Amino acid sequence: MIAQAHAATLTGIDAVPVVIEVDIQGGPTTLIMVGLPDKSVQESQDRVRAAIVNSGLSFPYTRTVVNLAPADLKKEGLSLDLPIALTILSASNQVSRDLFDRSVIVGELGLDGLVRPIDGAVNVALMAMEAGMERLIVPRENAAEAAVSPEIQVYGVRNLLEAVELFNGAMVAPFEHSSVDRQEARYEVDFADVKGQTHAARALEIAAAGGHNVLMLGPPGSGKTMLARRLPTIMPPLTVEEAIEVTRIYSASGKKVGREGLVWERPFRSPHHTSSYAAVVGGGKNPKPGEISLAHLGVLFMDEMPEFDRGVLESLRQPLEDGLVTVARVAASMEFPAECVLIGAMNPCPCGFKGYPEAKCVGAALCDRYMGRISGPLLDRIDLHVTVPRLKPDELTSRPQGESSAAIRQRVVAARKTQEARFGRAKVNAKMSARDMQDLIKLDDESMQFMKAAASKLNLSARVYDRLLRVGRTIADLAESENIQRGHLAEAVQYRGNET
């Protein structure tokens, strides 16, 4: 007797539908699993058998064949335990099949029948909605995350018996949760804690308003990390769609430990400079998102930027331009979203004390070699180059007098709304295309003459020139100015004064 159920497996950050077929035949007791299961799925045979027996149900002691379709897709992870167990029970007439056709089932089983949480619940929910399914059965701990739309009923089960009762007609209400309602993001840091560094704080405000990348240059202890950690606090709150997108990446990557519902805070990722290419960009035998994708719609902070492997740094060029990372493998290539603000931090030289007379520097040759570790093409993609000097003694001993993140965020949100009205959709100035710039950026004669002089004096490349115009447009938006004025461009140009 054959029974079928719908499940899912993760490929990258996407949930892919899987159909589980079980055929119970006469013959010696054996459980055969086919359909390209990986090691963890193959081991589910023993977990499923023990869970069924220890739940007081009957395991069919005969020849049982489990097929995972499509047969050419490798099945990974532990989410297939629960649907396999329920399909076996359905094939042995212990579970009704009436609800199987319009339901997607996922969950890991313990030997005692307990249903344990899985990675990628929101990904499975999105797949189930796209497939037109009516019900989603998930572990109880994943229900809040999966309840992202009223289009699908989500049922959270604690153990195998609860799932059996659900399919056998027990009156169980679907999970109700306000996870799709906008929630206030909570950050433990605030710009009000910052002493001095008003120039750097202003640069970060521009970065948040226009989605621009920043390079901070300064000696150790000048506050570069402190400033970078506060950038997410002044970025606009995530929309529901953005929160689902961020949660989708974190859930598939197993980074939502201890959290229910959607992720509402802007991501902040700070990989160590010894991190590998796969850790930062993404990859591995079974490709997973890297740090740059985990920073999607948030901030990627690369402290001690020149110390990163050259290949890692150069790999950032594509995602900084396109907002996507492509990981190619023999079997297939995967795309991961990577639309984030890059904040790089570096010392002015290997010792960090170039230009400070109280400390002896290592020498000009080593300084030049250190600065040359970041290539020109990568620097061209970083809009704002900011010097972060040491605090003066009076600044060190005074109380923090910085503006609060909430106050700065109000200006940033207003500037983002201006950009959304300009482009007709959610888009930031840093992502303006060449056609956008032709249509939307008009300079008066004074501003045009200023930019000609700047291009000649600073020997600007075409890419840097365009980026200066984009930064000028953001500064004008923060000033609530319809047109870009010479003063806006002058402020934009000063952020190229630290180029190496």
Protein backbone atom coordinates (compact mmCIF):
# COMPACT_ATOMS: atom_id res chain seq x y z
CA MET A 1 0.00 0.00 0.00
CA ILE A 2 1.46 3.36 -1.06
CA ALA A 3 1.08 6.65 0.84
CA GLN A 4 2.42 10.10 -0.05
CA ALA A 5 3.22 13.29 1.88
CA HIS A 6 4.72 16.68 1.02
CA ALA A 7 7.88 17.87 2.75
CA ALA A 8 10.85 20.13 1.95
CA THR A 9 14.63 20.27 2.02
CA LEU A 10 16.95 23.26 1.94
CA THR A 11 19.19 24.05 -1.02
CA GLY A 12 21.23 27.08 -0.08
CA ILE A 13 18.63 29.39 1.44
CA ASP A 14 15.74 28.10 -0.66
CA ALA A 15 13.30 25.42 0.43
CA VAL A 16 12.71 22.85 -2.30
CA PRO A 17 9.59 20.62 -2.31
CA VAL A 18 10.07 16.92 -1.64
CA VAL A 19 7.43 14.23 -2.06
CA ILE A 20 7.76 11.28 0.31
CA GLU A 21 6.37 7.97 -0.96
CA VAL A 22 6.10 4.89 1.22
CA ASP A 23 5.31 1.41 -0.07
CA ILE A 24 4.67 -1.39 2.43
CA GLN A 25 5.14 -4.84 0.91
CA GLY A 26 5.31 -8.41 2.11
CA GLY A 27 8.73 -9.80 2.89
CA PRO A 28 11.44 -9.73 5.52
CA THR A 29 11.52 -6.78 7.95
CA THR A 30 13.61 -4.04 6.38
CA LEU A 31 13.41 -0.31 5.76
CA ILE A 32 14.87 0.84 2.44
CA MET A 33 15.37 4.53 1.68
CA VAL A 34 16.02 5.75 -1.88
CA GLY A 35 16.09 9.15 -3.62
CA LEU A 36 19.59 10.55 -2.91
CA PRO A 37 19.35 10.93 0.88
CA ASP A 38 22.48 12.29 2.56
CA LYS A 39 23.97 10.68 5.69
CA SER A 40 21.69 12.53 8.11
CA VAL A 41 18.59 11.49 6.16
CA GLN A 42 19.75 7.87 5.91
CA GLU A 43 20.20 7.79 9.68
CA SER A 44 16.57 8.88 10.07
CA GLN A 45 15.55 5.24 9.57
CA ASP A 46 16.54 4.37 13.14
CA ARG A 47 15.18 7.61 14.60
CA VAL A 48 11.82 7.14 12.87
CA ARG A 49 11.48 3.50 13.95
CA ALA A 50 12.31 4.30 17.59
CA ALA A 51 10.02 7.38 17.64
CA ILE A 52 7.05 5.39 16.31
CA VAL A 53 7.50 2.53 18.76
CA ASN A 54 8.19 4.76 21.77
CA SER A 55 5.08 6.81 20.97
CA GLY A 56 2.93 3.70 21.45
CA LEU A 57 2.29 3.25 17.72
CA SER A 58 2.96 0.22 15.56
CA PHE A 59 5.91 0.09 13.22
CA PRO A 60 5.23 -2.15 10.18
CA TYR A 61 7.58 -5.10 10.57
CA THR A 62 7.70 -5.93 6.90
CA ARG A 63 9.52 -4.68 3.80
CA THR A 64 9.03 -0.88 3.69
CA VAL A 65 10.39 1.28 0.86
CA VAL A 66 10.69 5.05 1.33
CA ASN A 67 11.26 7.09 -1.82
CA LEU A 68 12.22 10.77 -1.72
CA ALA A 69 11.24 12.53 -4.94
CA PRO A 70 12.56 14.07 -7.08
CA ALA A 71 15.19 11.36 -7.24
CA ASP A 72 17.91 13.59 -8.74
CA LEU A 73 17.87 16.12 -5.86
CA LYS A 74 20.15 15.42 -2.91
CA LYS A 75 18.13 15.54 0.31
CA GLU A 76 19.88 17.10 3.31
CA GLY A 77 19.13 17.90 6.91
CA LEU A 78 16.88 16.51 9.62
CA SER A 79 13.56 18.06 8.59
CA LEU A 80 12.34 14.88 6.83
CA ASP A 81 12.04 12.75 10.00
CA LEU A 82 8.47 13.76 10.87
CA PRO A 83 7.00 13.49 7.35
CA ILE A 84 8.65 10.09 6.84
CA ALA A 85 7.18 8.81 10.11
CA LEU A 86 3.70 10.12 9.30
CA THR A 87 3.80 8.66 5.79
CA ILE A 88 4.80 5.25 7.16
CA LEU A 89 1.93 5.44 9.65
CA SER A 90 -0.42 6.48 6.85
CA ALA A 91 0.68 3.56 4.67
CA SER A 92 0.00 1.22 7.58
CA ASN A 93 -3.50 2.72 8.10
CA GLN A 94 -2.73 4.37 11.44
CA VAL A 95 -3.07 7.94 10.12
CA SER A 96 -5.80 9.29 7.87
CA ARG A 97 -4.69 10.54 4.45
CA ASP A 98 -7.45 13.10 4.03
CA LEU A 99 -5.27 16.15 4.82
CA PHE A 100 -2.01 15.01 3.27
CA ASP A 101 -2.59 16.44 -0.21
CA ARG A 102 -2.67 20.10 0.88
CA SER A 103 -0.17 19.92 3.75
CA VAL A 104 3.59 20.37 4.03
CA ILE A 105 5.28 18.61 6.95
CA VAL A 106 8.75 19.19 8.40
CA GLY A 107 10.41 18.33 11.69
CA GLU A 108 13.20 16.36 13.38
CA LEU A 109 12.28 13.44 15.63
CA GLY A 110 13.85 12.35 18.87
CA LEU A 111 13.92 8.67 19.83
CA ASP A 112 11.06 9.32 22.28
CA GLY A 113 8.87 10.90 19.58
CA LEU A 114 9.63 14.49 20.58
CA VAL A 115 9.59 16.89 17.59
CA ARG A 116 12.67 19.11 17.62
CA PRO A 117 13.08 22.48 15.87
CA ILE A 118 14.66 22.74 12.43
CA ASP A 119 16.49 25.31 10.35
CA GLY A 120 14.65 27.14 7.58
CA ALA A 121 11.06 27.10 8.85
CA VAL A 122 10.25 30.48 7.28
CA ASN A 123 11.83 29.28 4.02
CA VAL A 124 9.54 26.26 4.02
CA ALA A 125 6.53 28.49 4.75
CA LEU A 126 7.33 30.71 1.76
CA MET A 127 7.70 27.63 -0.46
CA ALA A 128 4.43 26.18 0.80
CA MET A 129 2.56 29.42 0.06
CA GLU A 130 4.05 29.60 -3.43
CA ALA A 131 2.95 26.00 -4.05
CA GLY A 132 -0.62 26.82 -2.98
CA MET A 133 -0.63 24.58 0.10
CA GLU A 134 -3.20 25.12 2.84
CA ARG A 135 -1.42 23.78 5.94
CA LEU A 136 2.10 23.67 7.31
CA ILE A 137 3.02 21.34 10.16
CA VAL A 138 6.23 22.32 11.95
CA PRO A 139 7.85 21.84 15.37
CA ARG A 140 6.23 23.96 18.05
CA GLU A 141 9.36 26.12 18.45
CA ASN A 142 9.28 27.01 14.74
CA ALA A 143 5.59 27.98 14.56
CA ALA A 144 6.11 31.69 15.31
CA GLU A 145 8.73 31.95 12.58
CA ALA A 146 6.64 30.08 10.02
CA ALA A 147 3.45 32.08 10.65
CA VAL A 148 4.38 34.82 8.18
CA SER A 149 1.10 35.00 6.26
CA PRO A 150 -2.60 34.34 6.82
CA GLU A 151 -2.60 32.54 3.46
CA ILE A 152 -1.45 29.32 5.12
CA GLN A 153 -2.46 27.68 8.39
CA VAL A 154 0.52 26.82 10.59
CA TYR A 155 0.32 24.06 13.21
CA GLY A 156 3.08 23.63 15.75
CA VAL A 157 3.38 20.11 17.21
CA ARG A 158 5.41 19.03 20.22
CA ASN A 159 5.61 15.32 19.49
CA LEU A 160 4.68 12.65 16.98
CA LEU A 161 1.42 11.79 18.74
CA GLU A 162 0.17 15.39 18.41
CA ALA A 163 0.86 15.25 14.67
CA VAL A 164 -0.99 11.92 14.40
CA GLU A 165 -4.00 13.32 16.26
CA LEU A 166 -4.01 16.40 14.02
CA PHE A 167 -4.24 14.29 10.86
CA ASN A 168 -6.79 11.97 12.45
CA GLY A 169 -9.25 14.81 12.91
CA ALA A 170 -8.50 16.28 16.34
CA MET A 171 -9.82 19.84 16.72
CA VAL A 172 -6.62 21.87 16.83
CA ALA A 173 -6.53 25.62 16.21
CA PRO A 174 -3.79 26.89 13.92
CA PHE A 175 -1.01 28.92 15.45
CA GLU A 176 -1.75 32.63 15.79
CA HIS A 177 1.16 34.96 16.15
CA SER A 178 1.88 38.63 15.55
CA SER A 179 5.31 37.92 14.05
CA VAL A 180 4.28 39.66 10.84
CA ASP A 181 3.34 42.84 12.70
CA ARG A 182 6.09 45.44 12.76
CA GLN A 183 8.06 45.25 15.99
CA GLU A 184 10.44 47.77 17.46
CA ALA A 185 14.07 46.80 16.91
CA ARG A 186 16.11 46.73 20.11
CA TYR A 187 19.76 47.73 20.08
CA GLU A 188 22.10 47.76 23.04
CA VAL A 189 24.18 50.68 21.72
CA ASP A 190 23.41 54.29 20.79
CA PHE A 191 25.20 57.19 19.11
CA ALA A 192 24.55 59.21 22.27
CA ASP A 193 27.41 57.21 23.86
CA VAL A 194 29.98 58.54 21.37
CA LYS A 195 32.49 61.15 22.50
CA GLY A 196 33.62 63.59 19.82
CA GLN A 197 34.10 62.19 16.29
CA THR A 198 31.34 64.39 14.86
CA HIS A 199 32.91 64.20 11.40
CA ALA A 200 32.84 60.39 11.39
CA ALA A 201 29.30 60.33 12.81
CA ARG A 202 28.18 62.63 10.00
CA ALA A 203 29.74 60.28 7.43
CA LEU A 204 27.86 57.34 8.91
CA GLU A 205 24.62 59.32 8.78
CA ILE A 206 25.20 59.89 5.06
CA ALA A 207 26.02 56.20 4.63
CA ALA A 208 22.78 55.15 6.35
CA ALA A 209 20.71 57.61 4.33
CA GLY A 210 22.07 56.64 0.90
CA GLY A 211 23.37 53.09 1.39
CA HIS A 212 26.99 54.17 0.84
CA ASN A 213 30.09 52.18 1.83
CA VAL A 214 32.59 53.68 4.26
CA LEU A 215 36.31 53.30 4.98
CA MET A 216 37.47 54.61 8.36
CA LEU A 217 41.16 55.36 8.82
CA GLY A 218 42.57 56.02 12.26
CA PRO A 219 44.94 54.87 15.01
CA PRO A 220 44.07 52.13 17.51
CA GLY A 221 41.56 53.20 20.11
CA SER A 222 40.13 56.11 18.16
CA GLY A 223 36.60 54.64 18.18
CA LYS A 224 36.26 53.07 14.71
CA THR A 225 34.62 49.89 16.00
CA MET A 226 32.41 51.80 18.42
CA LEU A 227 31.11 53.97 15.57
CA ALA A 228 30.57 51.06 13.19
CA ARG A 229 28.55 49.09 15.75
CA ARG A 230 26.12 51.97 16.01
CA LEU A 231 25.39 52.30 12.31
CA PRO A 232 22.44 49.82 12.35
CA THR A 233 20.78 51.93 15.06
CA ILE A 234 20.31 54.88 12.68
CA MET A 235 19.20 52.88 9.66
CA PRO A 236 15.45 52.81 8.86
CA PRO A 237 13.42 50.07 10.58
CA LEU A 238 13.01 46.90 8.55
CA THR A 239 9.75 46.53 6.67
CA VAL A 240 7.81 43.27 7.04
CA GLU A 241 9.14 42.07 3.67
CA GLU A 242 12.72 42.93 4.66
CA ALA A 243 12.35 41.22 8.05
CA ILE A 244 11.16 38.06 6.29
CA GLU A 245 14.12 38.29 3.91
CA VAL A 246 16.64 38.64 6.75
CA THR A 247 14.97 35.86 8.75
CA ARG A 248 15.07 33.61 5.69
CA ILE A 249 18.86 33.88 5.53
CA TYR A 250 19.43 33.49 9.26
CA SER A 251 17.02 30.58 9.59
CA ALA A 252 18.54 28.63 6.70
CA SER A 253 22.00 29.24 8.16
CA GLY A 254 21.03 28.03 11.62
CA LYS A 255 21.68 31.47 13.19
CA LYS A 256 18.31 31.91 14.93
CA VAL A 257 19.12 29.97 18.09
CA GLY A 258 16.90 31.09 20.96
CA ARG A 259 14.76 33.44 18.82
CA GLU A 260 11.12 33.16 17.88
CA GLY A 261 9.37 35.02 15.11
CA LEU A 262 11.05 37.32 12.62
CA VAL A 263 14.36 39.15 12.95
CA TRP A 264 13.61 42.86 13.27
CA GLU A 265 17.10 44.23 13.97
CA ARG A 266 19.35 45.31 11.13
CA PRO A 267 22.14 42.71 10.91
CA PHE A 268 25.65 43.63 12.00
CA ARG A 269 28.35 41.15 11.03
CA SER A 270 32.01 41.52 11.97
CA PRO A 271 34.13 38.61 10.65
CA HIS A 272 37.68 38.20 11.94
CA HIS A 273 40.43 39.04 9.48
CA THR A 274 41.55 35.39 9.50
CA SER A 275 38.16 34.26 8.14
CA SER A 276 38.29 32.10 5.02
CA TYR A 277 36.86 32.93 1.61
CA ALA A 278 33.91 30.56 2.16
CA ALA A 279 33.20 32.05 5.59
CA VAL A 280 33.01 35.62 4.26
CA VAL A 281 31.65 35.16 0.74
CA GLY A 282 29.82 31.84 1.08
CA GLY A 283 30.49 28.38 -0.25
CA GLY A 284 31.49 24.98 1.03
CA LYS A 285 30.68 21.49 -0.26
CA ASN A 286 27.00 22.26 0.21
CA PRO A 287 27.05 26.05 -0.37
CA LYS A 288 25.91 28.17 2.53
CA PRO A 289 25.67 31.96 2.89
CA GLY A 290 28.76 33.75 4.11
CA GLU A 291 29.12 36.80 6.34
CA ILE A 292 28.34 39.21 3.52
CA SER A 293 24.95 37.53 2.99
CA LEU A 294 24.30 37.36 6.74
CA ALA A 295 24.80 41.14 6.66
CA HIS A 296 22.09 41.52 3.99
CA LEU A 297 20.07 44.72 4.58
CA GLY A 298 22.45 45.57 7.40
CA VAL A 299 26.15 46.24 7.98
CA LEU A 300 29.27 44.22 7.19
CA PHE A 301 32.12 45.54 9.33
CA MET A 302 35.63 44.51 8.35
CA ASP A 303 38.02 45.61 11.08
CA GLU A 304 41.74 45.57 10.23
CA MET A 305 40.66 45.44 6.59
CA PRO A 306 44.16 45.16 5.04
CA GLU A 307 44.80 42.02 7.11
CA PHE A 308 42.09 40.08 5.27
CA ASP A 309 43.22 37.70 2.54
CA ARG A 310 43.54 39.50 -0.80
CA GLY A 311 41.18 37.02 -2.47
CA VAL A 312 38.51 37.70 0.16
CA LEU A 313 38.77 41.46 -0.35
CA GLU A 314 38.65 41.24 -4.14
CA SER A 315 35.61 38.95 -3.97
CA LEU A 316 33.65 41.84 -2.42
CA ARG A 317 33.68 43.80 -5.66
CA GLN A 318 30.76 41.96 -7.29
CA PRO A 319 28.38 42.04 -4.30
CA LEU A 320 29.16 45.70 -3.62
CA GLU A 321 28.04 46.49 -7.16
CA ASP A 322 25.19 44.00 -7.65
CA GLY A 323 23.98 43.15 -4.14
CA LEU A 324 24.35 39.44 -4.94
CA VAL A 325 26.95 36.72 -4.37
CA THR A 326 27.21 33.91 -6.90
CA VAL A 327 28.73 30.65 -5.63
CA ALA A 328 29.52 28.32 -8.52
CA ARG A 329 29.90 24.56 -8.14
CA VAL A 330 30.16 21.74 -10.67
CA ALA A 331 26.55 20.66 -10.23
CA ALA A 332 25.00 24.13 -10.06
CA SER A 333 25.53 27.74 -9.06
CA MET A 334 23.67 29.51 -6.29
CA GLU A 335 22.93 33.17 -5.70
CA PHE A 336 22.76 34.63 -2.20
CA PRO A 337 21.53 38.17 -1.48
CA ALA A 338 24.25 40.51 -0.23
CA GLU A 339 22.86 44.04 -0.27
CA CYS A 340 24.62 45.56 2.71
CA VAL A 341 26.63 48.60 3.74
CA LEU A 342 30.33 47.82 3.98
CA ILE A 343 32.26 49.54 6.77
CA GLY A 344 36.01 49.00 6.53
CA ALA A 345 38.39 50.06 9.29
CA MET A 346 42.15 50.26 9.14
CA ASN A 347 45.12 51.85 10.84
CA PRO A 348 47.15 54.46 8.94
CA CYS A 349 50.13 52.05 8.97
CA PRO A 350 51.06 48.61 10.41
CA CYS A 351 51.92 50.05 13.83
CA GLY A 352 48.99 52.45 13.76
CA PHE A 353 50.87 55.58 14.76
CA LYS A 354 51.79 57.27 11.49
CA GLY A 355 51.61 61.03 11.98
CA TYR A 356 51.73 60.84 15.79
CA PRO A 357 55.03 62.22 17.06
CA GLU A 358 54.78 60.56 20.46
CA ALA A 359 55.23 57.11 18.88
CA LYS A 360 57.87 55.99 16.40
CA CYS A 361 56.42 54.66 13.13
CA VAL A 362 57.80 51.57 11.39
CA GLY A 363 58.84 53.52 8.30
CA ALA A 364 57.49 54.80 5.00
CA ALA A 365 58.18 51.65 2.97
CA LEU A 366 56.22 49.37 5.29
CA CYS A 367 53.42 51.94 5.51
CA ASP A 368 53.09 52.10 1.72
CA ARG A 369 53.05 48.30 1.48
CA TYR A 370 50.37 48.13 4.17
CA MET A 371 48.15 50.70 2.47
CA GLY A 372 48.58 48.93 -0.86
CA ARG A 373 46.90 45.76 0.40
CA ILE A 374 43.54 47.24 -0.57
CA SER A 375 43.33 47.50 -4.35
CA GLY A 376 42.33 50.62 -6.23
CA PRO A 377 39.22 49.02 -7.79
CA LEU A 378 37.94 48.07 -4.33
CA LEU A 379 38.65 51.54 -2.95
CA ASP A 380 36.72 53.02 -5.88
CA ARG A 381 33.64 51.15 -4.65
CA ILE A 382 33.86 52.73 -1.20
CA ASP A 383 32.14 56.10 -1.36
CA LEU A 384 33.18 57.70 1.94
CA HIS A 385 36.78 57.75 3.20
CA VAL A 386 36.86 59.11 6.73
CA THR A 387 39.70 59.98 9.09
CA VAL A 388 38.97 59.05 12.71
CA PRO A 389 41.61 60.82 14.85
CA ARG A 390 42.45 60.17 18.45
CA LEU A 391 40.28 61.99 20.96
CA LYS A 392 41.74 65.04 22.62
CA PRO A 393 42.24 64.98 26.41
CA ASP A 394 39.26 67.25 27.04
CA GLU A 395 37.07 64.99 24.89
CA LEU A 396 38.26 61.92 26.78
CA THR A 397 37.40 63.36 30.18
CA SER A 398 34.05 64.89 29.20
CA ARG A 399 30.71 63.14 29.27
CA PRO A 400 29.38 61.82 25.94
CA GLN A 401 27.45 64.56 24.16
CA GLY A 402 26.64 62.81 20.91
CA GLU A 403 23.24 63.07 19.25
CA SER A 404 20.95 60.12 19.95
CA SER A 405 20.44 57.40 17.38
CA ALA A 406 16.69 58.11 17.37
CA ALA A 407 17.24 61.74 16.35
CA ILE A 408 19.68 60.82 13.58
CA ARG A 409 17.39 58.04 12.38
CA GLN A 410 14.55 60.53 11.85
CA ARG A 411 16.64 62.42 9.30
CA VAL A 412 17.77 59.18 7.67
CA VAL A 413 14.19 57.91 7.34
CA ALA A 414 13.09 61.22 5.81
CA ALA A 415 15.94 61.04 3.27
CA ARG A 416 15.03 57.43 2.41
CA LYS A 417 11.40 58.44 1.83
CA THR A 418 12.60 61.15 -0.55
CA GLN A 419 14.58 58.55 -2.49
CA GLU A 420 11.66 56.15 -2.58
CA ALA A 421 9.45 58.90 -4.03
CA ARG A 422 12.14 59.76 -6.57
CA PHE A 423 12.65 56.21 -7.81
CA GLY A 424 9.07 55.05 -7.36
CA ARG A 425 10.20 52.12 -5.21
CA ALA A 426 12.52 51.23 -2.35
CA LYS A 427 15.95 52.15 -3.72
CA VAL A 428 18.89 54.10 -2.34
CA ASN A 429 21.09 56.66 -4.05
CA ALA A 430 24.14 54.39 -3.88
CA LYS A 431 22.36 51.99 -6.27
CA MET A 432 21.49 54.60 -8.91
CA SER A 433 22.13 53.35 -12.42
CA ALA A 434 23.78 55.39 -15.16
CA ARG A 435 20.35 56.11 -16.65
CA ASP A 436 19.02 57.19 -13.24
CA MET A 437 21.89 59.64 -12.93
CA GLN A 438 21.28 61.08 -16.38
CA ASP A 439 17.59 61.58 -15.66
CA LEU A 440 17.71 62.65 -12.02
CA ILE A 441 20.97 64.49 -11.37
CA LYS A 442 21.09 67.98 -12.88
CA LEU A 443 23.91 70.34 -11.87
CA ASP A 444 23.82 74.11 -12.22
CA ASP A 445 26.78 75.94 -13.78
CA GLU A 446 28.49 76.63 -10.44
CA SER A 447 28.26 73.00 -9.37
CA MET A 448 29.44 71.78 -12.78
CA GLN A 449 32.51 74.00 -12.65
CA PHE A 450 33.27 72.78 -9.14
CA MET A 451 33.12 69.12 -10.21
CA LYS A 452 35.34 69.80 -13.23
CA ALA A 453 37.94 71.35 -10.95
CA ALA A 454 37.67 68.46 -8.47
CA ALA A 455 37.99 65.85 -11.21
CA SER A 456 41.12 67.57 -12.54
CA LYS A 457 42.79 68.17 -9.17
CA LEU A 458 42.01 64.74 -7.67
CA ASN A 459 42.43 62.81 -10.94
CA LEU A 460 39.08 61.13 -10.43
CA SER A 461 38.13 57.97 -12.29
CA ALA A 462 34.72 57.77 -13.93
CA ARG A 463 33.49 55.45 -11.19
CA VAL A 464 34.63 57.77 -8.39
CA TYR A 465 33.12 60.79 -10.16
CA ASP A 466 29.73 59.05 -10.36
CA ARG A 467 29.96 58.01 -6.74
CA LEU A 468 30.66 61.58 -5.68
CA LEU A 469 27.49 62.67 -7.45
CA ARG A 470 25.52 59.94 -5.66
CA VAL A 471 26.92 61.03 -2.28
CA GLY A 472 26.12 64.64 -3.14
CA ARG A 473 22.55 63.62 -3.92
CA THR A 474 22.26 61.94 -0.51
CA ILE A 475 23.64 64.99 1.29
CA ALA A 476 21.09 67.13 -0.56
CA ASP A 477 18.33 64.73 0.50
CA LEU A 478 19.40 65.02 4.15
CA ALA A 479 19.27 68.80 3.75
CA GLU A 480 15.79 68.49 2.18
CA SER A 481 17.10 70.21 -0.94
CA GLU A 482 15.47 69.44 -4.27
CA ASN A 483 18.63 70.25 -6.23
CA ILE A 484 22.27 69.39 -5.56
CA GLN A 485 24.15 72.53 -4.56
CA ARG A 486 27.85 73.25 -4.67
CA GLY A 487 28.07 72.90 -0.87
CA HIS A 488 26.64 69.39 -1.02
CA LEU A 489 29.25 68.37 -3.60
CA ALA A 490 32.04 70.02 -1.60
CA GLU A 491 31.12 67.89 1.41
CA ALA A 492 31.04 64.79 -0.78
CA VAL A 493 34.49 65.56 -2.24
CA GLN A 494 36.08 65.93 1.19
CA TYR A 495 35.32 62.27 1.84
CA ARG A 496 37.80 61.29 -0.87
CA GLY A 497 40.71 63.02 0.85
CA ASN A 498 42.01 59.82 2.49
CA GLU A 499 42.48 57.78 -0.66
CA THR A 500 45.50 55.56 -0.61
